[in-house]
Amino acid sequence: MAIKCILGIIVVLLIVLVWYLLYSVKQGYVKDILTGCFEANSDFLEKGNISKFNIAISPERNSYRYIYIIMLDLQGDILINEDNRMKLNTRDMNPFTKKIKYIVTLDKDIADGAIPKNMNMIYEPTTGFLTLFNKDIVYAELYRNNIYSDMDDNCYTSMSKNMPSTSNNQSNNQSNNQSNNQSNNQSNNQSNNQSNNQSNSDNTNNTDDEIIE
């Protein structure tokens, strides 16, 4: 009887060990591929009336990942251009599930709360599909771009360096406005000068007519 109990305990321990090993292997695999460049699909872009929505995720360091988010409207103007820090927690202990659920915690809200700092996330490692949501509100539906992600060891660093900053756009807009104002002023001055010259010419002609008479 004692031997059967011992064997039963050993079997249970082996099952738990195998389960934990499979879970650890899967988590390690997911940790490696939950990095890189993620892009919104065309359906999500159309629903949101935006032309681009990308998120770059860095490798995990000290339980955190750094992310960079860029979103453009239909005219190509920047709506979101921010970096942040993300921490992921999961209670999904099933090593055979195709979807892994996470609790996402950011250091701060994005775009004044358009994307909150506390969200849920579902990631499908086999397809690279990532969803950020809270209840019925979906903030992002993204696919991992395997080509860019595999070409670059740290997509976050490259993306954050190459994307234009909001301050540059504001500076360009100010420069364009100043140029337009200067052009309008020059045009108005030319028009006024022509009008004055014509008026002076008419006055001269009237004077000549009076002298002839």
N, C-alpha and C. Protein backbone atom coordinates (compact mmCIF):
# COMPACT_ATOMS: atom_id res chain seq x y z
N MET A 1 0.82 -1.21 0.00
CA MET A 1 0.00 0.00 0.00
C MET A 1 0.86 1.26 0.00
N ALA A 2 1.90 1.22 0.82
CA ALA A 2 2.81 2.37 0.89
C ALA A 2 3.53 2.57 -0.43
N ILE A 3 3.87 1.43 -1.07
CA ILE A 3 4.58 1.53 -2.36
C ILE A 3 3.68 2.18 -3.41
N LYS A 4 2.39 1.83 -3.41
CA LYS A 4 1.47 2.42 -4.36
C LYS A 4 1.34 3.93 -4.14
N CYS A 5 1.31 4.33 -2.88
CA CYS A 5 1.22 5.76 -2.58
C CYS A 5 2.46 6.50 -3.07
N ILE A 6 3.61 5.87 -2.83
CA ILE A 6 4.86 6.51 -3.28
C ILE A 6 4.89 6.61 -4.80
N LEU A 7 4.48 5.52 -5.48
CA LEU A 7 4.45 5.53 -6.94
C LEU A 7 3.47 6.59 -7.46
N GLY A 8 2.31 6.72 -6.77
CA GLY A 8 1.33 7.73 -7.17
C GLY A 8 1.89 9.13 -7.03
N ILE A 9 2.59 9.37 -5.93
CA ILE A 9 3.19 10.69 -5.72
C ILE A 9 4.24 10.97 -6.78
N ILE A 10 5.04 9.96 -7.12
CA ILE A 10 6.08 10.13 -8.14
C ILE A 10 5.45 10.46 -9.50
N VAL A 11 4.38 9.75 -9.83
CA VAL A 11 3.70 10.00 -11.10
C VAL A 11 3.16 11.42 -11.16
N VAL A 12 2.55 11.86 -10.06
CA VAL A 12 2.02 13.22 -10.02
C VAL A 12 3.13 14.25 -10.16
N LEU A 13 4.23 14.01 -9.46
CA LEU A 13 5.37 14.93 -9.54
C LEU A 13 5.94 14.98 -10.96
N LEU A 14 6.00 13.83 -11.61
CA LEU A 14 6.51 13.79 -12.98
C LEU A 14 5.59 14.56 -13.93
N ILE A 15 4.29 14.40 -13.74
CA ILE A 15 3.34 15.13 -14.58
C ILE A 15 3.49 16.63 -14.39
N VAL A 16 3.60 17.05 -13.13
CA VAL A 16 3.78 18.47 -12.84
C VAL A 16 5.08 18.99 -13.43
N LEU A 17 6.14 18.19 -13.33
CA LEU A 17 7.44 18.59 -13.86
C LEU A 17 7.40 18.73 -15.37
N VAL A 18 6.81 17.76 -16.05
CA VAL A 18 6.70 17.81 -17.51
C VAL A 18 5.86 19.01 -17.93
N TRP A 19 4.76 19.24 -17.21
CA TRP A 19 3.90 20.38 -17.50
C TRP A 19 4.67 21.69 -17.35
N TYR A 20 5.41 21.80 -16.28
CA TYR A 20 6.17 23.02 -16.04
C TYR A 20 7.26 23.22 -17.09
N LEU A 21 7.92 22.13 -17.48
CA LEU A 21 8.96 22.22 -18.50
C LEU A 21 8.38 22.68 -19.83
N LEU A 22 7.22 22.12 -20.21
CA LEU A 22 6.57 22.53 -21.45
C LEU A 22 6.16 23.99 -21.39
N TYR A 23 5.65 24.41 -20.23
CA TYR A 23 5.25 25.80 -20.05
C TYR A 23 6.46 26.72 -20.15
N SER A 24 7.56 26.34 -19.52
CA SER A 24 8.77 27.16 -19.54
C SER A 24 9.34 27.28 -20.94
N VAL A 25 9.33 26.17 -21.67
CA VAL A 25 9.83 26.19 -23.05
C VAL A 25 8.98 27.11 -23.91
N LYS A 26 7.66 27.02 -23.73
CA LYS A 26 6.77 27.88 -24.52
C LYS A 26 6.96 29.34 -24.15
N GLN A 27 7.06 29.64 -22.86
CA GLN A 27 7.24 31.02 -22.44
C GLN A 27 8.56 31.59 -22.96
N GLY A 28 9.60 30.76 -22.95
CA GLY A 28 10.88 31.21 -23.49
C GLY A 28 10.80 31.47 -24.98
N TYR A 29 10.08 30.63 -25.68
CA TYR A 29 9.89 30.82 -27.13
C TYR A 29 9.10 32.09 -27.40
N VAL A 30 8.02 32.28 -26.66
CA VAL A 30 7.19 33.47 -26.85
C VAL A 30 7.97 34.73 -26.49
N LYS A 31 8.77 34.65 -25.45
CA LYS A 31 9.56 35.82 -25.03
C LYS A 31 10.49 36.27 -26.15
N ASP A 32 11.01 35.30 -26.90
CA ASP A 32 11.93 35.64 -27.99
C ASP A 32 11.21 36.26 -29.19
N ILE A 33 9.99 35.78 -29.49
CA ILE A 33 9.31 36.28 -30.68
C ILE A 33 8.35 37.42 -30.37
N LEU A 34 8.13 37.70 -29.09
CA LEU A 34 7.30 38.86 -28.74
C LEU A 34 8.17 40.12 -28.73
N THR A 35 8.94 40.26 -29.78
CA THR A 35 9.79 41.43 -30.01
C THR A 35 9.75 41.74 -31.50
N GLY A 36 10.16 42.95 -31.85
CA GLY A 36 10.24 43.30 -33.26
C GLY A 36 9.21 44.32 -33.66
N CYS A 37 8.87 44.32 -34.97
CA CYS A 37 7.97 45.31 -35.55
C CYS A 37 6.58 44.71 -35.76
N PHE A 38 5.58 45.38 -35.23
CA PHE A 38 4.19 44.95 -35.37
C PHE A 38 3.42 46.04 -36.11
N GLU A 39 2.62 45.62 -37.11
CA GLU A 39 1.92 46.56 -37.97
C GLU A 39 0.42 46.25 -37.98
N ALA A 40 -0.38 47.31 -37.99
CA ALA A 40 -1.83 47.13 -38.07
C ALA A 40 -2.22 46.66 -39.47
N ASN A 41 -3.22 45.79 -39.53
CA ASN A 41 -3.68 45.32 -40.84
C ASN A 41 -4.60 46.35 -41.48
N SER A 42 -4.94 46.13 -42.73
CA SER A 42 -5.70 47.10 -43.50
C SER A 42 -7.10 47.31 -42.93
N ASP A 43 -7.70 46.26 -42.40
CA ASP A 43 -9.05 46.39 -41.84
C ASP A 43 -9.05 47.33 -40.63
N PHE A 44 -8.07 47.18 -39.76
CA PHE A 44 -8.00 48.04 -38.58
C PHE A 44 -7.71 49.49 -38.98
N LEU A 45 -6.83 49.68 -39.98
CA LEU A 45 -6.53 51.02 -40.45
C LEU A 45 -7.77 51.70 -41.03
N GLU A 46 -8.55 50.93 -41.77
CA GLU A 46 -9.75 51.49 -42.38
C GLU A 46 -10.78 51.85 -41.32
N LYS A 47 -10.95 51.00 -40.32
CA LYS A 47 -11.91 51.29 -39.24
C LYS A 47 -11.50 52.53 -38.45
N GLY A 48 -10.20 52.71 -38.25
CA GLY A 48 -9.73 53.84 -37.47
C GLY A 48 -9.47 55.10 -38.26
N ASN A 49 -9.69 55.05 -39.58
CA ASN A 49 -9.42 56.21 -40.45
C ASN A 49 -7.98 56.70 -40.29
N ILE A 50 -7.06 55.77 -40.29
CA ILE A 50 -5.64 56.08 -40.18
C ILE A 50 -4.89 55.38 -41.30
N SER A 51 -3.70 55.87 -41.60
CA SER A 51 -2.92 55.29 -42.70
C SER A 51 -1.79 54.39 -42.19
N LYS A 52 -1.42 54.53 -40.90
CA LYS A 52 -0.32 53.73 -40.38
C LYS A 52 -0.42 53.62 -38.86
N PHE A 53 -0.15 52.43 -38.35
CA PHE A 53 -0.11 52.20 -36.91
C PHE A 53 0.89 51.08 -36.65
N ASN A 54 2.07 51.44 -36.17
CA ASN A 54 3.14 50.48 -35.91
C ASN A 54 3.57 50.54 -34.45
N ILE A 55 3.93 49.39 -33.91
CA ILE A 55 4.50 49.31 -32.57
C ILE A 55 5.77 48.47 -32.64
N ALA A 56 6.85 49.03 -32.16
CA ALA A 56 8.12 48.29 -32.06
C ALA A 56 8.33 47.90 -30.60
N ILE A 57 8.67 46.62 -30.39
CA ILE A 57 8.84 46.10 -29.04
C ILE A 57 10.27 45.59 -28.89
N SER A 58 10.95 46.06 -27.87
CA SER A 58 12.34 45.65 -27.63
C SER A 58 12.38 44.32 -26.88
N PRO A 59 13.52 43.65 -26.86
CA PRO A 59 13.67 42.46 -26.01
C PRO A 59 13.48 42.82 -24.54
N GLU A 60 13.12 41.83 -23.76
CA GLU A 60 12.86 42.05 -22.34
C GLU A 60 14.16 42.29 -21.58
N ARG A 61 14.13 43.32 -20.72
CA ARG A 61 15.28 43.62 -19.86
C ARG A 61 14.76 43.93 -18.46
N ASN A 62 15.19 43.15 -17.50
CA ASN A 62 14.77 43.36 -16.11
C ASN A 62 13.25 43.41 -15.98
N SER A 63 12.60 42.46 -16.64
CA SER A 63 11.13 42.30 -16.59
C SER A 63 10.37 43.38 -17.34
N TYR A 64 11.06 44.25 -18.06
CA TYR A 64 10.40 45.31 -18.83
C TYR A 64 10.79 45.23 -20.30
N ARG A 65 9.91 45.76 -21.14
CA ARG A 65 10.18 45.92 -22.57
C ARG A 65 9.94 47.38 -22.93
N TYR A 66 10.77 47.91 -23.79
CA TYR A 66 10.57 49.27 -24.28
C TYR A 66 9.81 49.20 -25.61
N ILE A 67 8.83 50.07 -25.74
CA ILE A 67 8.01 50.07 -26.96
C ILE A 67 8.03 51.46 -27.58
N TYR A 68 7.84 51.48 -28.89
CA TYR A 68 7.75 52.75 -29.63
C TYR A 68 6.51 52.67 -30.51
N ILE A 69 5.66 53.70 -30.44
CA ILE A 69 4.38 53.69 -31.15
C ILE A 69 4.33 54.87 -32.11
N ILE A 70 3.94 54.58 -33.35
CA ILE A 70 3.76 55.62 -34.35
C ILE A 70 2.41 55.41 -35.02
N MET A 71 1.62 56.50 -35.10
CA MET A 71 0.32 56.44 -35.78
C MET A 71 0.17 57.68 -36.65
N LEU A 72 -0.26 57.48 -37.91
CA LEU A 72 -0.44 58.58 -38.86
C LEU A 72 -1.88 58.62 -39.33
N ASP A 73 -2.39 59.83 -39.57
CA ASP A 73 -3.74 59.95 -40.10
C ASP A 73 -3.72 59.75 -41.61
N LEU A 74 -4.87 59.93 -42.24
CA LEU A 74 -4.98 59.66 -43.67
C LEU A 74 -4.16 60.62 -44.51
N GLN A 75 -3.84 61.80 -43.96
CA GLN A 75 -3.01 62.77 -44.68
C GLN A 75 -1.52 62.58 -44.41
N GLY A 76 -1.18 61.61 -43.57
CA GLY A 76 0.22 61.37 -43.25
C GLY A 76 0.75 62.17 -42.09
N ASP A 77 -0.12 62.92 -41.42
CA ASP A 77 0.30 63.69 -40.25
C ASP A 77 0.36 62.79 -39.02
N ILE A 78 1.26 63.13 -38.10
CA ILE A 78 1.48 62.28 -36.93
C ILE A 78 0.40 62.50 -35.88
N LEU A 79 -0.23 61.40 -35.47
CA LEU A 79 -1.20 61.42 -34.38
C LEU A 79 -0.56 60.95 -33.07
N ILE A 80 0.25 59.91 -33.16
CA ILE A 80 0.97 59.39 -31.99
C ILE A 80 2.41 59.15 -32.40
N ASN A 81 3.33 59.63 -31.58
CA ASN A 81 4.75 59.43 -31.83
C ASN A 81 5.44 59.40 -30.47
N GLU A 82 5.34 58.25 -29.78
CA GLU A 82 5.78 58.18 -28.40
C GLU A 82 6.50 56.87 -28.12
N ASP A 83 7.39 56.94 -27.13
CA ASP A 83 7.98 55.72 -26.60
C ASP A 83 7.47 55.51 -25.18
N ASN A 84 7.59 54.28 -24.69
CA ASN A 84 7.04 53.93 -23.40
C ASN A 84 7.75 52.68 -22.90
N ARG A 85 7.42 52.30 -21.68
CA ARG A 85 7.97 51.08 -21.11
C ARG A 85 6.82 50.17 -20.70
N MET A 86 6.94 48.89 -21.01
CA MET A 86 5.84 47.95 -20.84
C MET A 86 6.27 46.75 -19.98
N LYS A 87 5.36 46.35 -19.12
CA LYS A 87 5.57 45.15 -18.32
C LYS A 87 4.41 44.20 -18.58
N LEU A 88 4.74 42.92 -18.79
CA LEU A 88 3.74 41.91 -19.10
C LEU A 88 3.65 40.89 -17.98
N ASN A 89 2.42 40.58 -17.58
CA ASN A 89 2.16 39.51 -16.61
C ASN A 89 1.15 38.55 -17.21
N THR A 90 1.36 37.27 -17.01
CA THR A 90 0.43 36.28 -17.53
C THR A 90 0.10 35.25 -16.46
N ARG A 91 -1.15 34.81 -16.48
CA ARG A 91 -1.61 33.74 -15.60
C ARG A 91 -2.00 32.51 -16.40
N ASP A 92 -1.67 32.57 -17.69
CA ASP A 92 -2.02 31.48 -18.59
C ASP A 92 -0.97 30.38 -18.46
N MET A 93 -1.31 29.32 -17.72
CA MET A 93 -0.35 28.25 -17.46
C MET A 93 -0.51 27.06 -18.41
N ASN A 94 -1.38 27.18 -19.39
CA ASN A 94 -1.60 26.06 -20.32
C ASN A 94 -0.55 26.09 -21.42
N PRO A 95 0.34 25.10 -21.46
CA PRO A 95 1.41 25.12 -22.48
C PRO A 95 0.91 24.75 -23.88
N PHE A 96 -0.34 24.31 -24.01
CA PHE A 96 -0.84 23.85 -25.30
C PHE A 96 -1.79 24.86 -25.96
N THR A 97 -2.08 25.95 -25.27
CA THR A 97 -2.98 26.93 -25.86
C THR A 97 -2.30 27.68 -27.00
N LYS A 98 -3.10 28.08 -28.00
CA LYS A 98 -2.57 28.82 -29.14
C LYS A 98 -2.54 30.32 -28.88
N LYS A 99 -3.27 30.76 -27.87
CA LYS A 99 -3.33 32.17 -27.53
C LYS A 99 -2.86 32.36 -26.09
N ILE A 100 -2.04 33.38 -25.88
CA ILE A 100 -1.54 33.67 -24.54
C ILE A 100 -2.10 35.02 -24.10
N LYS A 101 -2.70 35.04 -22.92
CA LYS A 101 -3.30 36.27 -22.40
C LYS A 101 -2.34 36.94 -21.43
N TYR A 102 -2.20 38.25 -21.59
CA TYR A 102 -1.31 39.03 -20.74
C TYR A 102 -2.07 40.21 -20.12
N ILE A 103 -1.56 40.66 -19.00
CA ILE A 103 -1.96 41.94 -18.43
C ILE A 103 -0.83 42.92 -18.71
N VAL A 104 -1.15 44.01 -19.41
CA VAL A 104 -0.15 44.98 -19.85
C VAL A 104 -0.17 46.18 -18.91
N THR A 105 1.01 46.58 -18.47
CA THR A 105 1.14 47.78 -17.66
C THR A 105 2.21 48.67 -18.28
N LEU A 106 1.80 49.88 -18.69
CA LEU A 106 2.72 50.87 -19.24
C LEU A 106 3.10 51.87 -18.17
N ASP A 107 4.18 52.58 -18.39
CA ASP A 107 4.59 53.62 -17.45
C ASP A 107 3.64 54.81 -17.45
N LYS A 108 3.00 55.06 -18.60
CA LYS A 108 2.13 56.23 -18.72
C LYS A 108 1.12 55.99 -19.82
N ASP A 109 0.03 56.76 -19.78
CA ASP A 109 -0.95 56.72 -20.85
C ASP A 109 -0.32 57.23 -22.14
N ILE A 110 -0.88 56.78 -23.26
CA ILE A 110 -0.38 57.19 -24.57
C ILE A 110 -1.39 58.13 -25.21
N ALA A 111 -0.87 59.24 -25.74
CA ALA A 111 -1.70 60.24 -26.44
C ALA A 111 -2.83 60.71 -25.55
N ASP A 112 -2.47 61.14 -24.32
CA ASP A 112 -3.45 61.70 -23.38
C ASP A 112 -4.60 60.75 -23.10
N GLY A 113 -4.29 59.47 -22.98
CA GLY A 113 -5.30 58.49 -22.61
C GLY A 113 -5.98 57.80 -23.75
N ALA A 114 -5.62 58.13 -25.00
CA ALA A 114 -6.20 57.42 -26.14
C ALA A 114 -5.88 55.93 -26.06
N ILE A 115 -4.70 55.61 -25.57
CA ILE A 115 -4.32 54.23 -25.25
C ILE A 115 -3.93 54.22 -23.77
N PRO A 116 -4.71 53.55 -22.91
CA PRO A 116 -4.44 53.61 -21.47
C PRO A 116 -3.22 52.79 -21.08
N LYS A 117 -2.72 53.06 -19.88
CA LYS A 117 -1.51 52.37 -19.43
C LYS A 117 -1.80 50.97 -18.89
N ASN A 118 -3.06 50.68 -18.61
CA ASN A 118 -3.45 49.34 -18.14
C ASN A 118 -4.40 48.71 -19.15
N MET A 119 -3.95 47.61 -19.76
CA MET A 119 -4.73 46.93 -20.80
C MET A 119 -4.57 45.42 -20.69
N ASN A 120 -5.36 44.73 -21.50
CA ASN A 120 -5.20 43.30 -21.70
C ASN A 120 -4.61 43.06 -23.08
N MET A 121 -3.91 41.96 -23.21
CA MET A 121 -3.30 41.63 -24.50
C MET A 121 -3.43 40.13 -24.75
N ILE A 122 -3.74 39.80 -25.99
CA ILE A 122 -3.74 38.40 -26.44
C ILE A 122 -2.73 38.29 -27.58
N TYR A 123 -1.83 37.33 -27.45
CA TYR A 123 -0.82 37.13 -28.48
C TYR A 123 -0.88 35.69 -28.98
N GLU A 124 -0.88 35.54 -30.30
CA GLU A 124 -0.88 34.22 -30.93
C GLU A 124 0.49 33.97 -31.55
N PRO A 125 1.33 33.18 -30.90
CA PRO A 125 2.70 32.98 -31.40
C PRO A 125 2.77 32.37 -32.80
N THR A 126 1.82 31.51 -33.14
CA THR A 126 1.90 30.83 -34.44
C THR A 126 1.61 31.78 -35.61
N THR A 127 0.77 32.78 -35.39
CA THR A 127 0.42 33.73 -36.45
C THR A 127 1.07 35.10 -36.27
N GLY A 128 1.56 35.38 -35.06
CA GLY A 128 2.13 36.69 -34.78
C GLY A 128 1.08 37.77 -34.61
N PHE A 129 -0.17 37.38 -34.34
CA PHE A 129 -1.26 38.33 -34.20
C PHE A 129 -1.35 38.81 -32.75
N LEU A 130 -1.41 40.14 -32.57
CA LEU A 130 -1.40 40.75 -31.25
C LEU A 130 -2.60 41.70 -31.14
N THR A 131 -3.34 41.58 -30.03
CA THR A 131 -4.50 42.43 -29.79
C THR A 131 -4.37 43.11 -28.44
N LEU A 132 -4.56 44.42 -28.41
CA LEU A 132 -4.60 45.19 -27.18
C LEU A 132 -6.04 45.65 -26.97
N PHE A 133 -6.59 45.41 -25.78
CA PHE A 133 -8.01 45.71 -25.57
C PHE A 133 -8.31 45.86 -24.09
N ASN A 134 -9.49 46.42 -23.83
CA ASN A 134 -10.11 46.46 -22.50
C ASN A 134 -11.59 46.24 -22.69
N LYS A 135 -12.08 45.10 -22.24
CA LYS A 135 -13.49 44.75 -22.41
C LYS A 135 -13.87 44.81 -23.89
N ASP A 136 -14.77 45.73 -24.24
CA ASP A 136 -15.23 45.81 -25.64
C ASP A 136 -14.44 46.80 -26.48
N ILE A 137 -13.48 47.48 -25.89
CA ILE A 137 -12.70 48.49 -26.62
C ILE A 137 -11.40 47.86 -27.11
N VAL A 138 -11.19 47.89 -28.42
CA VAL A 138 -9.97 47.36 -29.03
C VAL A 138 -9.07 48.53 -29.40
N TYR A 139 -7.87 48.55 -28.85
CA TYR A 139 -6.94 49.66 -29.11
C TYR A 139 -5.99 49.35 -30.26
N ALA A 140 -5.73 48.09 -30.51
CA ALA A 140 -4.78 47.74 -31.57
C ALA A 140 -4.98 46.30 -32.00
N GLU A 141 -4.89 46.08 -33.30
CA GLU A 141 -4.83 44.73 -33.88
C GLU A 141 -3.63 44.73 -34.82
N LEU A 142 -2.60 44.00 -34.45
CA LEU A 142 -1.32 44.09 -35.14
C LEU A 142 -0.80 42.71 -35.51
N TYR A 143 -0.05 42.67 -36.60
CA TYR A 143 0.66 41.46 -37.00
C TYR A 143 2.16 41.71 -36.94
N ARG A 144 2.88 40.71 -36.53
CA ARG A 144 4.34 40.82 -36.49
C ARG A 144 4.89 40.77 -37.91
N ASN A 145 5.70 41.76 -38.27
CA ASN A 145 6.38 41.76 -39.56
C ASN A 145 7.68 40.96 -39.39
N ASN A 146 7.61 39.70 -39.79
CA ASN A 146 8.75 38.81 -39.56
C ASN A 146 9.99 39.22 -40.35
N ILE A 147 9.79 39.81 -41.53
CA ILE A 147 10.94 40.18 -42.36
C ILE A 147 11.75 41.28 -41.67
N TYR A 148 11.08 42.38 -41.29
CA TYR A 148 11.78 43.47 -40.63
C TYR A 148 12.29 43.05 -39.25
N SER A 149 11.49 42.27 -38.55
CA SER A 149 11.87 41.87 -37.19
C SER A 149 13.09 40.97 -37.20
N ASP A 150 13.18 40.08 -38.19
CA ASP A 150 14.32 39.17 -38.25
C ASP A 150 15.57 39.83 -38.83
N MET A 151 15.36 40.86 -39.67
CA MET A 151 16.51 41.57 -40.24
C MET A 151 17.21 42.44 -39.20
N ASP A 152 16.44 42.96 -38.26
CA ASP A 152 16.97 43.90 -37.28
C ASP A 152 16.91 43.27 -35.90
N ASP A 153 18.04 43.27 -35.19
CA ASP A 153 18.08 42.69 -33.86
C ASP A 153 17.25 43.49 -32.86
N ASN A 154 17.13 44.77 -33.07
CA ASN A 154 16.37 45.61 -32.16
C ASN A 154 15.55 46.61 -32.97
N CYS A 155 14.36 46.18 -33.36
CA CYS A 155 13.49 47.02 -34.18
C CYS A 155 13.11 48.30 -33.46
N TYR A 156 13.01 48.23 -32.14
CA TYR A 156 12.65 49.41 -31.35
C TYR A 156 13.66 50.54 -31.56
N THR A 157 14.96 50.20 -31.48
CA THR A 157 16.00 51.21 -31.62
C THR A 157 15.97 51.84 -33.00
N SER A 158 15.84 51.02 -34.04
CA SER A 158 15.83 51.53 -35.41
C SER A 158 14.62 52.41 -35.67
N MET A 159 13.47 51.98 -35.19
CA MET A 159 12.24 52.72 -35.44
C MET A 159 12.24 54.05 -34.72
N SER A 160 12.71 54.07 -33.48
CA SER A 160 12.71 55.30 -32.70
C SER A 160 13.70 56.32 -33.27
N LYS A 161 14.76 55.84 -33.93
CA LYS A 161 15.75 56.75 -34.52
C LYS A 161 15.28 57.29 -35.86
N ASN A 162 14.57 56.47 -36.63
CA ASN A 162 14.24 56.85 -38.00
C ASN A 162 12.95 57.63 -38.14
N MET A 163 12.03 57.53 -37.17
CA MET A 163 10.77 58.22 -37.31
C MET A 163 10.94 59.70 -37.00
N PRO A 164 10.23 60.57 -37.73
CA PRO A 164 10.32 62.02 -37.48
C PRO A 164 9.69 62.36 -36.15
N SER A 165 10.18 63.41 -35.54
CA SER A 165 9.64 63.83 -34.26
C SER A 165 8.53 64.83 -34.47
N THR A 166 7.67 64.94 -33.46
CA THR A 166 6.55 65.87 -33.55
C THR A 166 7.05 67.30 -33.62
N SER A 167 8.15 67.60 -32.92
CA SER A 167 8.69 68.95 -32.93
C SER A 167 9.16 69.34 -34.31
N ASN A 168 9.72 68.37 -35.06
CA ASN A 168 10.15 68.67 -36.42
C ASN A 168 8.96 69.02 -37.30
N ASN A 169 7.85 68.28 -37.11
CA ASN A 169 6.67 68.57 -37.90
C ASN A 169 6.12 69.95 -37.57
N GLN A 170 6.10 70.29 -36.28
CA GLN A 170 5.63 71.61 -35.90
C GLN A 170 6.52 72.69 -36.50
N SER A 171 7.83 72.45 -36.49
CA SER A 171 8.76 73.42 -37.07
C SER A 171 8.53 73.58 -38.56
N ASN A 172 8.28 72.45 -39.24
CA ASN A 172 8.02 72.52 -40.68
C ASN A 172 6.73 73.28 -40.96
N ASN A 173 5.70 73.02 -40.12
CA ASN A 173 4.44 73.73 -40.32
C ASN A 173 4.60 75.23 -40.11
N GLN A 174 5.37 75.60 -39.08
CA GLN A 174 5.61 77.02 -38.84
C GLN A 174 6.37 77.64 -40.00
N SER A 175 7.36 76.91 -40.51
CA SER A 175 8.13 77.42 -41.64
C SER A 175 7.26 77.61 -42.87
N ASN A 176 6.37 76.62 -43.11
CA ASN A 176 5.47 76.74 -44.25
C ASN A 176 4.50 77.91 -44.09
N ASN A 177 4.00 78.10 -42.86
CA ASN A 177 3.09 79.20 -42.63
C ASN A 177 3.78 80.55 -42.84
N GLN A 178 5.03 80.66 -42.35
CA GLN A 178 5.77 81.90 -42.54
C GLN A 178 6.02 82.16 -44.02
N SER A 179 6.36 81.10 -44.74
CA SER A 179 6.61 81.26 -46.18
C SER A 179 5.35 81.69 -46.91
N ASN A 180 4.21 81.08 -46.52
CA ASN A 180 2.94 81.46 -47.16
C ASN A 180 2.58 82.91 -46.83
N ASN A 181 2.80 83.31 -45.58
CA ASN A 181 2.49 84.69 -45.19
C ASN A 181 3.35 85.69 -45.96
N GLN A 182 4.65 85.35 -46.08
CA GLN A 182 5.53 86.24 -46.83
C GLN A 182 5.11 86.34 -48.29
N SER A 183 4.72 85.20 -48.86
CA SER A 183 4.29 85.20 -50.25
C SER A 183 3.02 86.02 -50.43
N ASN A 184 2.08 85.88 -49.47
CA ASN A 184 0.84 86.66 -49.56
C ASN A 184 1.11 88.14 -49.41
N ASN A 185 2.02 88.49 -48.49
CA ASN A 185 2.35 89.90 -48.30
C ASN A 185 2.98 90.50 -49.54
N GLN A 186 3.90 89.75 -50.15
CA GLN A 186 4.53 90.23 -51.37
C GLN A 186 3.51 90.43 -52.48
N SER A 187 2.58 89.47 -52.57
CA SER A 187 1.55 89.58 -53.61
C SER A 187 0.66 90.78 -53.37
N ASN A 188 0.29 91.00 -52.11
CA ASN A 188 -0.55 92.15 -51.79
C ASN A 188 0.17 93.46 -52.07
N ASN A 189 1.48 93.52 -51.73
CA ASN A 189 2.26 94.73 -51.97
C ASN A 189 2.36 95.03 -53.46
N GLN A 190 2.60 93.98 -54.25
CA GLN A 190 2.69 94.17 -55.69
C GLN A 190 1.36 94.68 -56.26
N SER A 191 0.27 94.09 -55.76
CA SER A 191 -1.05 94.51 -56.25
C SER A 191 -1.33 95.96 -55.88
N ASN A 192 -0.98 96.34 -54.64
CA ASN A 192 -1.19 97.72 -54.21
C ASN A 192 -0.34 98.70 -55.02
N ASN A 193 0.92 98.29 -55.28
CA ASN A 193 1.80 99.16 -56.06
C ASN A 193 1.27 99.36 -57.47
N GLN A 194 0.79 98.28 -58.09
CA GLN A 194 0.25 98.39 -59.43
C GLN A 194 -0.97 99.30 -59.44
N SER A 195 -1.82 99.14 -58.41
CA SER A 195 -3.02 99.97 -58.33
C SER A 195 -2.65 101.44 -58.16
N ASN A 196 -1.66 101.73 -57.31
CA ASN A 196 -1.23 103.12 -57.10
C ASN A 196 -0.61 103.71 -58.36
N ASN A 197 0.20 102.90 -59.06
CA ASN A 197 0.83 103.39 -60.28
C ASN A 197 -0.21 103.74 -61.34
N GLN A 198 -1.23 102.86 -61.42
CA GLN A 198 -2.29 103.11 -62.40
C GLN A 198 -3.05 104.37 -62.05
N SER A 199 -3.32 104.56 -60.75
CA SER A 199 -4.03 105.76 -60.31
C SER A 199 -3.22 107.02 -60.62
N ASN A 200 -1.91 106.96 -60.38
CA ASN A 200 -1.05 108.10 -60.68
C ASN A 200 -1.02 108.40 -62.18
N SER A 201 -1.01 107.33 -62.97
CA SER A 201 -0.99 107.51 -64.42
C SER A 201 -2.27 108.18 -64.90
N ASP A 202 -3.40 107.78 -64.32
CA ASP A 202 -4.68 108.37 -64.71
C ASP A 202 -4.71 109.85 -64.34
N ASN A 203 -4.18 110.17 -63.18
CA ASN A 203 -4.14 111.57 -62.76
C ASN A 203 -3.27 112.41 -63.70
N THR A 204 -2.16 111.86 -64.14
CA THR A 204 -1.26 112.56 -65.06
C THR A 204 -1.94 112.82 -66.38
N ASN A 205 -2.67 111.81 -66.89
CA ASN A 205 -3.38 111.96 -68.16
C ASN A 205 -4.44 113.05 -68.05
N ASN A 206 -5.13 113.10 -66.92
CA ASN A 206 -6.15 114.15 -66.75
C ASN A 206 -5.54 115.53 -66.75
N THR A 207 -4.39 115.66 -66.15
CA THR A 207 -3.68 116.95 -66.10
C THR A 207 -3.27 117.37 -67.50
N ASP A 208 -2.74 116.40 -68.27
CA ASP A 208 -2.34 116.73 -69.65
C ASP A 208 -3.51 117.19 -70.48
N ASP A 209 -4.67 116.53 -70.25
CA ASP A 209 -5.86 116.90 -71.03
C ASP A 209 -6.25 118.33 -70.71
N GLU A 210 -6.15 118.71 -69.47
CA GLU A 210 -6.53 120.05 -69.09
C GLU A 210 -5.58 121.09 -69.71
N ILE A 211 -4.29 120.77 -69.83
CA ILE A 211 -3.33 121.69 -70.42
C ILE A 211 -3.59 121.84 -71.90
N ILE A 212 -3.92 120.74 -72.59
CA ILE A 212 -4.18 120.80 -74.03
C ILE A 212 -5.36 121.68 -74.32
N GLU A 213 -6.42 121.54 -73.51
CA GLU A 213 -7.59 122.38 -73.73
C GLU A 213 -7.28 123.85 -73.46
